[in-house]
C-alpha atoms as a PDB file:
ATOM      1  CA  MET A   1      -9.731-114.061-254.720  1.00  0.00           C
ATOM      2  CA  ALA A   2      -6.630-116.204-254.977  1.00  0.00           C
ATOM      3  CA  ASP A   3      -5.633-114.447-258.193  1.00  0.00           C
ATOM      4  CA  SER A   4      -6.035-111.027-256.597  1.00  0.00           C
ATOM      5  CA  ALA A   5      -4.122-112.070-253.484  1.00  0.00           C
ATOM      6  CA  ALA A   6      -1.325-113.487-255.638  1.00  0.00           C
ATOM      7  CA  GLN A   7      -1.135-110.280-257.681  1.00  0.00           C
ATOM      8  CA  ILE A   8      -0.910-108.204-254.523  1.00  0.00           C
ATOM      9  CA  ALA A   9       1.724-110.501-253.012  1.00  0.00           C
ATOM     10  CA  ALA A  10       3.787-110.127-256.189  1.00  0.00           C
ATOM     11  CA  MET A  11       3.548-106.338-255.854  1.00  0.00           C
ATOM     12  CA  VAL A  12       4.699-106.480-252.238  1.00  0.00           C
ATOM     13  CA  TYR A  13       7.719-108.589-253.176  1.00  0.00           C
ATOM     14  CA  ARG A  14       8.530-106.537-256.283  1.00  0.00           C
ATOM     15  CA  TYR A  15       8.646-103.422-254.080  1.00  0.00           C
ATOM     16  CA  CYS A  16      11.667-104.903-252.259  1.00  0.00           C
ATOM     17  CA  GLU A  17      13.433-105.880-255.459  1.00  0.00           C
ATOM     18  CA  LEU A  18      13.001-102.461-257.061  1.00  0.00           C
ATOM     19  CA  PHE A  19      14.341-100.664-253.995  1.00  0.00           C
ATOM     20  CA  ASP A  20      17.302-102.946-253.362  1.00  0.00           C
ATOM     21  CA  THR A  21      18.402-102.903-257.009  1.00  0.00           C
ATOM     22  CA  GLY A  22      18.252 -99.111-257.210  1.00  0.00           C
ATOM     23  CA  GLN A  23      15.337 -98.948-259.670  1.00  0.00           C
ATOM     24  CA  PHE A  24      13.957 -95.910-257.883  1.00  0.00           C
ATOM     25  CA  ASP A  25      11.917 -94.455-260.748  1.00  0.00           C
ATOM     26  CA  GLN A  26      10.010 -97.737-261.062  1.00  0.00           C
ATOM     27  CA  PHE A  27       9.824 -98.024-257.277  1.00  0.00           C
ATOM     28  CA  ALA A  28       8.306 -94.557-256.942  1.00  0.00           C
ATOM     29  CA  ALA A  29       5.922 -95.180-259.864  1.00  0.00           C
ATOM     30  CA  GLN A  30       4.178 -97.798-257.706  1.00  0.00           C
ATOM     31  CA  PHE A  31       2.798 -94.880-255.687  1.00  0.00           C
ATOM     32  CA  GLU A  32       1.586 -92.704-258.558  1.00  0.00           C
ATOM     33  CA  HIS A  33      -1.947 -93.021-257.167  1.00  0.00           C
ATOM     34  CA  GLY A  34      -1.024 -93.542-253.529  1.00  0.00           C
ATOM     35  CA  GLN A  35       1.145 -92.527-250.636  1.00  0.00           C
ATOM     36  CA  TRP A  36       4.360 -94.205-249.576  1.00  0.00           C
ATOM     37  CA  HIS A  37       5.622 -94.091-246.029  1.00  0.00           C
ATOM     38  CA  ARG A  38       6.653 -90.562-245.014  1.00  0.00           C
ATOM     39  CA  ALA A  39       6.429 -89.033-248.486  1.00  0.00           C
ATOM     40  CA  GLU A  40       3.575 -86.893-249.704  1.00  0.00           C
ATOM     41  CA  PRO A  41       1.173 -88.662-252.112  1.00  0.00           C
ATOM     42  CA  GLY A  42       2.354 -89.464-255.634  1.00  0.00           C
ATOM     43  CA  ALA A  43       5.362 -90.911-257.410  1.00  0.00           C
ATOM     44  CA  ALA A  44       7.301 -87.642-257.580  1.00  0.00           C
ATOM     45  CA  ALA A  45       7.110 -87.218-253.809  1.00  0.00           C
ATOM     46  CA  ALA A  46       8.213 -90.820-253.196  1.00  0.00           C
ATOM     47  CA  ARG A  47      11.173 -90.321-255.519  1.00  0.00           C
ATOM     48  CA  GLN A  48      12.064 -87.015-253.848  1.00  0.00           C
ATOM     49  CA  TRP A  49      12.030 -88.672-250.406  1.00  0.00           C
ATOM     50  CA  ILE A  50      14.440 -91.334-251.646  1.00  0.00           C
ATOM     51  CA  ASP A  51      16.729 -88.716-253.212  1.00  0.00           C
ATOM     52  CA  GLU A  52      16.777 -86.674-250.010  1.00  0.00           C
ATOM     53  CA  GLN A  53      17.023 -89.465-247.433  1.00  0.00           C
ATOM     54  CA  VAL A  54      18.507 -92.702-248.787  1.00  0.00           C
ATOM     55  CA  LEU A  55      22.287 -93.095-248.881  1.00  0.00           C
ATOM     56  CA  LEU A  56      23.555 -94.743-252.066  1.00  0.00           C
ATOM     57  CA  TYR A  57      26.803 -96.491-252.937  1.00  0.00           C
ATOM     58  CA  ASP A  58      27.417 -96.535-256.693  1.00  0.00           C
ATOM     59  CA  GLY A  59      23.676 -96.026-257.142  1.00  0.00           C
ATOM     60  CA  LEU A  60      22.603 -98.801-254.756  1.00  0.00           C
ATOM     61  CA  PRO A  61      21.449 -98.728-251.133  1.00  0.00           C
ATOM     62  CA  ARG A  62      23.333-101.983-250.411  1.00  0.00           C
ATOM     63  CA  THR A  63      20.267-103.349-248.622  1.00  0.00           C
ATOM     64  CA  ARG A  64      18.033-106.383-248.773  1.00  0.00           C
ATOM     65  CA  HIS A  65      14.436-105.889-247.720  1.00  0.00           C
ATOM     66  CA  LEU A  66      12.975-109.205-246.544  1.00  0.00           C
ATOM     67  CA  THR A  67       9.191-109.262-246.399  1.00  0.00           C
ATOM     68  CA  THR A  68       7.712-112.106-244.351  1.00  0.00           C
ATOM     69  CA  ASN A  69       4.457-113.126-242.640  1.00  0.00           C
ATOM     70  CA  LEU A  70       2.438-111.647-245.494  1.00  0.00           C
ATOM     71  CA  THR A  71      -1.338-111.774-245.215  1.00  0.00           C
ATOM     72  CA  VAL A  72      -3.659-110.368-247.864  1.00  0.00           C
ATOM     73  CA  GLU A  73      -7.351-109.675-247.362  1.00  0.00           C
ATOM     74  CA  VAL A  74      -9.262-108.937-250.567  1.00  0.00           C
ATOM     75  CA  ASP A  75     -12.752-107.523-250.909  1.00  0.00           C
ATOM     76  CA  GLU A  76     -13.447-108.396-254.542  1.00  0.00           C
ATOM     77  CA  GLN A  77     -16.829-106.702-254.603  1.00  0.00           C
ATOM     78  CA  ALA A  78     -15.455-103.395-253.279  1.00  0.00           C
ATOM     79  CA  GLY A  79     -12.257-103.648-255.331  1.00  0.00           C
ATOM     80  CA  SER A  80     -10.101-103.085-252.282  1.00  0.00           C
ATOM     81  CA  ALA A  81      -7.515-105.019-250.335  1.00  0.00           C
ATOM     82  CA  VAL A  82      -5.348-104.782-247.247  1.00  0.00           C
ATOM     83  CA  ALA A  83      -2.015-106.522-246.736  1.00  0.00           C
ATOM     84  CA  ARG A  84       0.084-106.840-243.599  1.00  0.00           C
ATOM     85  CA  SER A  85       3.657-108.073-243.377  1.00  0.00           C
ATOM     86  CA  TYR A  86       6.866-107.955-241.408  1.00  0.00           C
ATOM     87  CA  ILE A  87       9.938-106.254-242.820  1.00  0.00           C
ATOM     88  CA  THR A  88      13.572-106.917-241.965  1.00  0.00           C
ATOM     89  CA  VAL A  89      16.204-104.786-243.667  1.00  0.00           C
ATOM     90  CA  LEU A  90      19.757-106.091-243.960  1.00  0.00           C
ATOM     91  CA  GLN A  91      22.699-103.970-245.067  1.00  0.00           C
ATOM     92  CA  ALA A  92      26.372-104.560-245.812  1.00  0.00           C
ATOM     93  CA  LEU A  93      29.221-102.377-247.050  1.00  0.00           C
ATOM     94  CA  PRO A  94      32.950-103.023-247.298  1.00  0.00           C
ATOM     95  CA  ASP A  95      33.469-101.390-243.873  1.00  0.00           C
ATOM     96  CA  PHE A  96      30.058-102.368-242.438  1.00  0.00           C
ATOM     97  CA  PRO A  97      29.495-106.116-241.971  1.00  0.00           C
ATOM     98  CA  LEU A  98      26.208-107.697-243.014  1.00  0.00           C
ATOM     99  CA  GLN A  99      23.631-107.038-240.305  1.00  0.00           C
ATOM    100  CA  PRO A 100      19.965-106.309-239.686  1.00  0.00           C
ATOM    101  CA  ILE A 101      19.441-102.565-239.443  1.00  0.00           C
ATOM    102  CA  PHE A 102      15.671-102.383-239.111  1.00  0.00           C
ATOM    103  CA  THR A 103      12.636-104.523-238.399  1.00  0.00           C
ATOM    104  CA  GLY A 104       9.060-103.444-238.541  1.00  0.00           C
ATOM    105  CA  ARG A 105       5.681-103.897-240.148  1.00  0.00           C
ATOM    106  CA  TYR A 106       4.029-102.848-243.372  1.00  0.00           C
ATOM    107  CA  LEU A 107       0.353-102.032-243.617  1.00  0.00           C
ATOM    108  CA  ASP A 108      -0.718-101.732-247.234  1.00  0.00           C
ATOM    109  CA  ARG A 109      -3.955-100.627-248.826  1.00  0.00           C
ATOM    110  CA  PHE A 110      -4.807-101.316-252.462  1.00  0.00           C
ATOM    111  CA  GLU A 111      -7.563-100.545-254.904  1.00  0.00           C
ATOM    112  CA  ARG A 112      -8.495-102.280-258.138  1.00  0.00           C
ATOM    113  CA  VAL A 113      -8.905-100.071-261.189  1.00  0.00           C
ATOM    114  CA  ASP A 114      -9.756-101.627-264.560  1.00  0.00           C
ATOM    115  CA  SER A 115      -8.817-105.107-263.256  1.00  0.00           C
ATOM    116  CA  CYS A 116      -5.362-103.924-262.091  1.00  0.00           C
ATOM    117  CA  TRP A 117      -4.350-103.535-258.461  1.00  0.00           C
ATOM    118  CA  ARG A 118      -2.521-100.436-257.299  1.00  0.00           C
ATOM    119  CA  TRP A 119      -1.266 -99.094-254.017  1.00  0.00           C
ATOM    120  CA  THR A 120      -3.226 -96.392-252.234  1.00  0.00           C
ATOM    121  CA  ARG A 121      -1.097 -96.360-249.073  1.00  0.00           C
ATOM    122  CA  ARG A 122       1.924 -98.055-247.506  1.00  0.00           C
ATOM    123  CA  GLU A 123       2.473 -97.401-243.817  1.00  0.00           C
ATOM    124  CA  VAL A 124       5.761 -98.438-242.222  1.00  0.00           C
ATOM    125  CA  THR A 125       5.951 -98.998-238.481  1.00  0.00           C
ATOM    126  CA  GLY A 126       9.408 -99.413-237.000  1.00  0.00           C
ATOM    127  CA  ASP A 127       9.754-101.922-234.193  1.00  0.00           C
ATOM    128  CA  LEU A 128      13.492-102.486-233.749  1.00  0.00           C
ATOM    129  CA  TYR A 129      16.355-100.321-234.978  1.00  0.00           C
ATOM    130  CA  GLY A 130      19.954-101.232-235.599  1.00  0.00           C
ATOM    131  CA  ASP A 131      22.613 -98.991-237.107  1.00  0.00           C
ATOM    132  CA  VAL A 132      20.773 -97.176-239.902  1.00  0.00           C
ATOM    133  CA  SER A 133      23.475 -94.515-240.250  1.00  0.00           C
ATOM    134  CA  HIS A 134      24.644 -96.048-243.556  1.00  0.00           C
ATOM    135  CA  HIS A 135      21.114 -96.257-244.954  1.00  0.00           C
ATOM    136  CA  VAL A 136      19.283 -92.978-244.329  1.00  0.00           C
ATOM    137  CA  ARG A 137      20.399 -89.417-243.674  1.00  0.00           C
ATOM    138  CA  ARG A 138      18.175 -89.063-240.623  1.00  0.00           C
ATOM    139  CA  ARG A 139      17.080 -91.760-238.275  1.00  0.00           C
ATOM    140  CA  HIS A 140      13.297 -91.889-237.943  1.00  0.00           C
ATOM    141  CA  GLU A 141      12.063 -93.570-234.802  1.00  0.00           C
ATOM    142  CA  PRO A 142       8.548 -93.969-233.510  1.00  0.00           C
ATOM    143  CA  PRO A 143       7.341 -91.438-230.962  1.00  0.00           C
ATOM    144  CA  PRO A 144       7.662 -92.340-227.271  1.00  0.00           C
ATOM    145  CA  GLY A 145       5.076 -94.908-226.328  1.00  0.00           C
ATOM    146  CA  GLY A 146       5.205 -96.666-229.731  1.00  0.00           C
ATOM    147  CA  GLY A 147       3.585 -95.825-232.999  1.00  0.00           C
END
């Protein structure tokens, strides 16, 4: 179980690195067999969502996604796992000082196929919003009453 949990944790952390360094093809490929956030299922849809929504500066979002409080629950026999974590997104630009722009939670579901773990779903729940106007084209907030 520890090996599976460590593999999944590495995937969760790699997700942040791929996004923040602008490696969007590799980022989207993580969801070839799953669904990411607000995109339709599949890598092409994840990549399309990024192309349509994320603001880039010389190819980079100028963000740092900080994943904390990660817990991973693995069902080895079923070949499935669930992970929960907090997310804090920082952003800085020459005319936009370093600041937190978003905090929320990730709920991830994974499946094991041929001894490799892969994402089946990543849900993002926003809890607190800062100025996301330099990060995404449209601000997405939870519906009234939470969510």
